[in-house]
């Protein structure tokens, strides 16, 4: 709770962080996303040659111009997993995974606000708890900041996640091409992994650009760096308890986690989803800044 109090006024904190982003990047790499193909028309003398669709010319031997529906504002949906596993680590002097996601989302929200873009917010665990439409007015952004600030103090235990089902719902609810930014540890049941990959593909099939911030504590959740002594490991979502010496579990755990992370990365690559390894130990500002610089170079 002390840490949450230190991070109050999330809008002000986000503004301070974003000022550094903008100075370093000169402009936001999220700008100018929503340019959609509309139709072809016959080429007229004097038209800009760069708009000719040469693939169509190769098939038909006729010149056609690509026309676009120009959308000056980005449409962005921030999606945050609020299941109990996102509350790890408990009683720490650093933000847990959910607080990391809230702070990073607030920074992205501030960038969008500066550009007069439209933003929406979806919070979910075993069901969708909040889903707002994408708007760009000041009152709406204030409400989104308030919702993110509440996540800094969120402490509701034993909430499971239904990530695959939720992503299918989101794909159907967002009707216009948008940028979907997902914050999740992606810790679903092993038996649900195929469904999870199908849900990610569903978002791409509906022509959304998808960015996945895979939020984890790499020290404990990836590398399993616990001291060599007995522990009581408690599943934060189910409450199940496993009592065991950490060294008995480490080798098997690390191998399975590495295999899952590699599989997730490969699937995202196949689907054209940008996946970011968001280690909470690095700090949300450093993770976000590194990604924005990478994205800025790609655009």
Protein backbone atom coordinates (compact mmCIF):
# COMPACT_ATOMS: atom_id res chain seq x y z
CA UNK A 1 0.00 0.00 0.00
CA UNK A 2 2.92 2.36 0.74
CA UNK A 3 4.24 1.89 -2.79
CA UNK A 4 0.80 2.59 -4.24
CA UNK A 5 0.60 5.83 -2.25
CA UNK A 6 4.00 6.88 -3.62
CA UNK A 7 2.65 6.41 -7.16
CA UNK A 8 -0.58 8.38 -6.69
CA UNK A 9 -1.54 11.00 -9.27
CA UNK A 10 -0.74 8.64 -12.09
CA UNK A 11 -1.57 11.26 -14.74
CA UNK A 12 1.12 13.64 -13.43
CA UNK A 13 3.65 10.82 -13.16
CA UNK A 14 2.91 9.70 -16.71
CA UNK A 15 3.30 13.25 -18.03
CA UNK A 16 6.75 13.53 -16.47
CA UNK A 17 7.90 10.24 -17.99
CA UNK A 18 6.43 10.99 -21.42
CA UNK A 19 8.21 14.34 -21.65
CA UNK A 20 11.45 12.37 -21.65
CA UNK A 21 10.11 10.03 -24.32
CA UNK A 22 9.08 12.86 -26.62
CA UNK A 23 12.39 14.72 -26.22
CA UNK A 24 14.30 11.53 -27.00
CA UNK A 25 12.15 10.49 -29.95
CA UNK A 26 11.21 13.92 -31.38
CA UNK A 27 7.78 12.51 -32.22
CA UNK A 28 5.65 9.61 -31.08
CA UNK A 29 6.06 6.42 -33.12
CA UNK A 30 2.34 5.79 -32.63
CA UNK A 31 1.46 8.76 -34.84
CA UNK A 32 -0.16 8.27 -38.22
CA UNK A 33 -1.22 4.65 -37.84
CA UNK A 34 -4.77 4.66 -39.17
CA UNK A 35 -4.40 4.98 -42.93
CA UNK A 36 -6.72 2.42 -44.53
CA UNK A 37 -6.94 1.30 -48.14
CA UNK A 38 -10.29 2.36 -49.62
CA UNK A 39 -10.46 1.52 -53.34
CA UNK A 40 -8.78 1.63 -56.75
CA UNK A 41 -9.44 4.18 -59.48
CA UNK A 42 -8.12 4.46 -63.02
CA UNK A 43 -4.85 6.38 -63.38
CA UNK A 44 -5.17 9.90 -64.81
CA UNK A 45 -2.27 11.78 -66.35
CA UNK A 46 -0.59 13.86 -63.69
CA UNK A 47 -1.37 11.50 -60.78
CA UNK A 48 1.51 10.78 -58.44
CA UNK A 49 3.26 7.64 -59.67
CA UNK A 50 3.97 6.42 -56.13
CA UNK A 51 0.26 5.63 -55.68
CA UNK A 52 0.12 3.26 -58.68
CA UNK A 53 -0.67 -0.33 -57.72
CA UNK A 54 2.01 -2.13 -59.70
CA UNK A 55 0.74 -5.57 -58.72
CA UNK A 56 -2.61 -4.83 -60.35
CA UNK A 57 -0.76 -3.46 -63.39
CA UNK A 58 1.20 -6.71 -63.67
CA UNK A 59 -2.03 -8.72 -63.72
CA UNK A 60 -4.19 -6.46 -65.90
CA UNK A 61 -1.73 -4.32 -67.90
CA UNK A 62 -3.77 -1.30 -66.75
CA UNK A 63 -2.76 1.52 -64.43
CA UNK A 64 -4.80 1.96 -61.24
CA UNK A 65 -4.27 4.37 -58.36
CA UNK A 66 -4.66 3.22 -54.75
CA UNK A 67 -6.96 5.51 -52.80
CA UNK A 68 -6.80 5.65 -49.03
CA UNK A 69 -9.17 6.63 -46.27
CA UNK A 70 -7.04 8.98 -44.21
CA UNK A 71 -7.67 8.85 -40.50
CA UNK A 72 -5.70 11.56 -38.73
CA UNK A 73 -6.32 10.06 -35.29
CA UNK A 74 -5.14 6.73 -33.99
CA UNK A 75 -7.66 4.37 -32.38
CA UNK A 76 -6.02 2.50 -29.53
CA UNK A 77 -7.44 -0.06 -27.10
CA UNK A 78 -5.37 -0.71 -23.97
CA UNK A 79 -6.09 -4.21 -22.61
CA UNK A 80 -4.87 -5.20 -19.13
CA UNK A 81 -4.95 -8.60 -17.45
CA UNK A 82 -6.01 -8.04 -13.80
CA UNK A 83 -5.97 -11.69 -12.67
CA UNK A 84 -4.34 -12.51 -9.34
CA UNK A 85 -1.08 -13.73 -10.92
CA UNK A 86 -0.53 -10.12 -12.02
CA UNK A 87 -0.23 -9.13 -8.34
CA UNK A 88 3.16 -10.86 -8.11
CA UNK A 89 5.42 -10.08 -6.32
CA UNK A 90 3.58 -9.41 -3.10
CA UNK A 91 4.99 -7.03 -0.47
CA UNK A 92 7.75 -5.65 -2.64
CA UNK A 93 9.42 -2.25 -2.82
CA UNK A 94 8.94 -2.25 -6.60
CA UNK A 95 5.74 -2.23 -8.69
CA UNK A 96 4.12 -5.62 -9.13
CA UNK A 97 3.12 -6.78 -12.63
CA UNK A 98 -0.28 -5.12 -12.51
CA UNK A 99 1.14 -1.81 -11.28
CA UNK A 100 3.80 -2.03 -14.01
CA UNK A 101 1.03 -2.46 -16.61
CA UNK A 102 -0.99 0.45 -15.19
CA UNK A 103 1.99 2.82 -15.17
CA UNK A 104 3.07 1.87 -18.70
CA UNK A 105 -0.53 2.25 -19.92
CA UNK A 106 -0.77 5.69 -18.34
CA UNK A 107 2.36 6.76 -20.21
CA UNK A 108 0.96 5.49 -23.52
CA UNK A 109 -2.32 7.23 -22.71
CA UNK A 110 -0.48 10.51 -22.24
CA UNK A 111 1.18 10.15 -25.66
CA UNK A 112 -2.20 9.49 -27.26
CA UNK A 113 -3.74 12.47 -25.47
CA UNK A 114 -1.00 14.77 -26.75
CA UNK A 115 -1.75 13.62 -30.31
CA UNK A 116 -5.54 14.02 -29.87
CA UNK A 117 -5.92 10.29 -30.53
CA UNK A 118 -8.78 8.09 -29.36
CA UNK A 119 -8.15 5.61 -26.55
CA UNK A 120 -10.18 2.92 -24.83
CA UNK A 121 -9.49 0.61 -21.89
CA UNK A 122 -10.35 -3.04 -21.25
CA UNK A 123 -9.73 -4.73 -17.89
CA UNK A 124 -10.26 -8.47 -17.52
CA UNK A 125 -9.58 -11.56 -15.44
CA UNK A 126 -12.11 -14.41 -15.67
CA UNK A 127 -14.45 -12.01 -17.50
CA UNK A 128 -14.36 -8.47 -18.87
CA UNK A 129 -14.61 -6.08 -15.90
CA UNK A 130 -14.41 -2.85 -17.88
CA UNK A 131 -14.59 -2.11 -21.59
CA UNK A 132 -14.77 1.47 -22.80
CA UNK A 133 -15.14 2.73 -26.35
CA UNK A 134 -12.30 4.71 -27.87
CA UNK A 135 -12.78 8.46 -27.42
CA UNK A 136 -10.48 11.45 -27.47
CA UNK A 137 -12.22 13.99 -25.24
CA UNK A 138 -10.73 15.27 -21.98
CA UNK A 139 -13.45 13.86 -19.71
CA UNK A 140 -12.94 10.38 -21.17
CA UNK A 141 -9.17 10.51 -20.68
CA UNK A 142 -9.65 11.63 -17.08
CA UNK A 143 -11.86 8.60 -16.46
CA UNK A 144 -9.21 6.31 -17.97
CA UNK A 145 -6.50 7.77 -15.72
CA UNK A 146 -8.75 7.21 -12.71
CA UNK A 147 -9.29 3.57 -13.66
CA UNK A 148 -5.54 3.04 -14.04
CA UNK A 149 -4.90 4.71 -10.69
CA UNK A 150 -7.30 2.26 -9.04
CA UNK A 151 -5.18 -0.60 -10.40
CA UNK A 152 -2.21 0.66 -8.38
CA UNK A 153 -4.17 -0.24 -5.23
CA UNK A 154 -5.82 -3.38 -6.61
CA UNK A 155 -5.40 -6.31 -4.21
CA UNK A 156 -8.21 -8.74 -5.01
CA UNK A 157 -6.94 -12.30 -4.52
CA UNK A 158 -7.72 -15.62 -6.23
CA UNK A 159 -9.04 -14.22 -9.50
CA UNK A 160 -8.40 -16.59 -12.39
CA UNK A 161 -7.91 -15.58 -16.00
CA UNK A 162 -9.69 -16.54 -19.21
CA UNK A 163 -7.35 -14.76 -21.61
CA UNK A 164 -8.32 -16.72 -24.74
CA UNK A 165 -12.07 -16.17 -24.31
CA UNK A 166 -11.56 -12.50 -23.49
CA UNK A 167 -9.38 -11.84 -26.55
CA UNK A 168 -12.01 -13.44 -28.79
CA UNK A 169 -14.62 -11.09 -27.29
CA UNK A 170 -12.38 -8.06 -27.74
CA UNK A 171 -11.71 -8.98 -31.37
CA UNK A 172 -15.46 -9.03 -32.01
CA UNK A 173 -16.23 -5.87 -30.01
CA UNK A 174 -13.65 -3.64 -31.71
CA UNK A 175 -15.22 -3.09 -35.11
CA UNK A 176 -12.81 -0.60 -36.69
CA UNK A 177 -9.14 -1.24 -37.35
CA UNK A 178 -7.28 -0.29 -34.19
CA UNK A 179 -4.02 -0.59 -32.33
CA UNK A 180 -4.54 -3.12 -29.52
CA UNK A 181 -1.94 -3.02 -26.74
CA UNK A 182 -2.15 -5.99 -24.38
CA UNK A 183 -0.45 -6.23 -20.97
CA UNK A 184 -0.48 -9.76 -19.55
CA UNK A 185 1.78 -12.41 -18.03
CA UNK A 186 0.02 -14.91 -20.35
CA UNK A 187 -0.09 -17.48 -17.53
CA UNK A 188 -3.04 -19.57 -18.63
CA UNK A 189 -3.37 -23.32 -18.14
CA UNK A 190 -1.06 -25.38 -20.36
CA UNK A 191 -4.11 -27.10 -21.87
CA UNK A 192 -5.41 -23.69 -23.04
CA UNK A 193 -2.30 -22.63 -24.98
CA UNK A 194 -3.69 -23.61 -28.40
CA UNK A 195 -6.86 -21.60 -27.67
CA UNK A 196 -4.73 -18.66 -26.55
CA UNK A 197 -2.79 -18.64 -29.83
CA UNK A 198 -6.08 -18.86 -31.77
CA UNK A 199 -7.37 -15.81 -29.89
CA UNK A 200 -4.25 -13.78 -30.72
CA UNK A 201 -4.65 -14.76 -34.36
CA UNK A 202 -8.31 -13.67 -34.22
CA UNK A 203 -7.22 -10.13 -33.36
CA UNK A 204 -4.88 -10.05 -36.34
CA UNK A 205 -7.50 -11.59 -38.63
CA UNK A 206 -9.74 -8.62 -37.84
CA UNK A 207 -6.91 -6.39 -39.11
CA UNK A 208 -5.96 -4.87 -35.75
CA UNK A 209 -2.32 -4.14 -35.06
CA UNK A 210 -1.47 -6.01 -31.86
CA UNK A 211 1.34 -5.27 -29.42
CA UNK A 212 1.81 -7.71 -26.53
CA UNK A 213 3.76 -6.61 -23.47
CA UNK A 214 4.59 -9.98 -21.89
CA UNK A 215 4.84 -8.83 -18.26
CA UNK A 216 6.91 -11.07 -15.98
CA UNK A 217 9.36 -10.96 -13.09
CA UNK A 218 12.31 -12.58 -14.87
CA UNK A 219 14.24 -13.21 -11.66
CA UNK A 220 11.63 -15.50 -10.13
CA UNK A 221 9.10 -16.38 -12.85
CA UNK A 222 11.57 -17.05 -15.67
CA UNK A 223 14.91 -17.94 -14.06
CA UNK A 224 13.49 -19.27 -10.75
CA UNK A 225 16.25 -17.65 -8.68
CA UNK A 226 15.10 -18.75 -5.23
CA UNK A 227 17.53 -19.58 -2.44
CA UNK A 228 18.35 -23.24 -1.91
CA UNK A 229 15.88 -23.99 0.89
CA UNK A 230 12.34 -25.30 1.37
CA UNK A 231 9.52 -23.02 0.17
CA UNK A 232 5.75 -22.97 0.26
CA UNK A 233 4.74 -22.03 -3.29
CA UNK A 234 1.16 -20.75 -3.51
CA UNK A 235 -0.80 -20.43 -6.75
CA UNK A 236 -2.10 -16.85 -6.58
CA UNK A 237 -5.16 -17.68 -8.69
CA UNK A 238 -6.27 -21.04 -7.30
CA UNK A 239 -4.73 -20.96 -3.83
CA UNK A 240 -3.11 -24.40 -4.39
CA UNK A 241 0.00 -24.99 -2.26
CA UNK A 242 3.19 -26.85 -3.18
CA UNK A 243 5.82 -27.43 -0.46
CA UNK A 244 9.22 -28.25 -1.90
CA UNK A 245 12.89 -27.32 -1.88
CA UNK A 246 13.48 -24.84 -4.72
CA UNK A 247 16.35 -26.87 -6.26
CA UNK A 248 14.05 -29.88 -6.73
CA UNK A 249 11.80 -27.81 -8.95
CA UNK A 250 14.16 -25.39 -10.68
CA UNK A 251 15.51 -27.44 -13.62
CA UNK A 252 12.10 -28.69 -14.77
CA UNK A 253 10.44 -25.32 -14.23
CA UNK A 254 13.07 -23.31 -16.13
CA UNK A 255 12.96 -25.72 -19.11
CA UNK A 256 9.17 -25.63 -19.36
CA UNK A 257 9.01 -21.86 -18.98
CA UNK A 258 11.70 -21.36 -21.65
CA UNK A 259 9.85 -23.65 -24.04
CA UNK A 260 6.57 -21.82 -23.48
CA UNK A 261 8.15 -18.40 -23.96
CA UNK A 262 9.82 -19.54 -27.17
CA UNK A 263 6.57 -20.99 -28.48
CA UNK A 264 4.71 -17.79 -27.64
CA UNK A 265 7.37 -15.70 -29.38
CA UNK A 266 7.28 -17.89 -32.50
CA UNK A 267 3.47 -17.78 -32.69
CA UNK A 268 3.45 -14.00 -32.34
CA UNK A 269 6.04 -13.77 -35.10
CA UNK A 270 3.89 -15.93 -37.38
CA UNK A 271 0.81 -13.80 -36.68
CA UNK A 272 2.63 -10.47 -37.12
CA UNK A 273 2.19 -9.55 -33.45
CA UNK A 274 4.86 -7.41 -31.81
CA UNK A 275 5.84 -9.11 -28.53
CA UNK A 276 7.89 -7.25 -25.91
CA UNK A 277 9.65 -8.99 -23.04
CA UNK A 278 8.50 -6.68 -20.24
CA UNK A 279 10.64 -7.54 -17.20
CA UNK A 280 9.31 -5.57 -14.23
CA UNK A 281 12.82 -5.47 -12.74
CA UNK A 282 13.90 -3.07 -15.50
CA UNK A 283 11.14 -0.55 -14.72
CA UNK A 284 8.15 0.30 -16.90
CA UNK A 285 9.74 3.51 -18.21
CA UNK A 286 12.88 1.74 -19.47
CA UNK A 287 10.92 -1.09 -21.09
CA UNK A 288 8.54 1.34 -22.80
CA UNK A 289 11.30 3.69 -23.91
CA UNK A 290 13.31 0.83 -25.47
CA UNK A 291 10.24 -0.32 -27.39
CA UNK A 292 9.31 3.17 -28.60
CA UNK A 293 12.83 3.72 -29.91
CA UNK A 294 12.69 0.38 -31.75
CA UNK A 295 9.25 1.17 -33.16
CA UNK A 296 10.35 4.66 -34.19
CA UNK A 297 13.22 3.20 -36.23
CA UNK A 298 10.87 0.76 -37.96
CA UNK A 299 8.42 3.45 -39.09
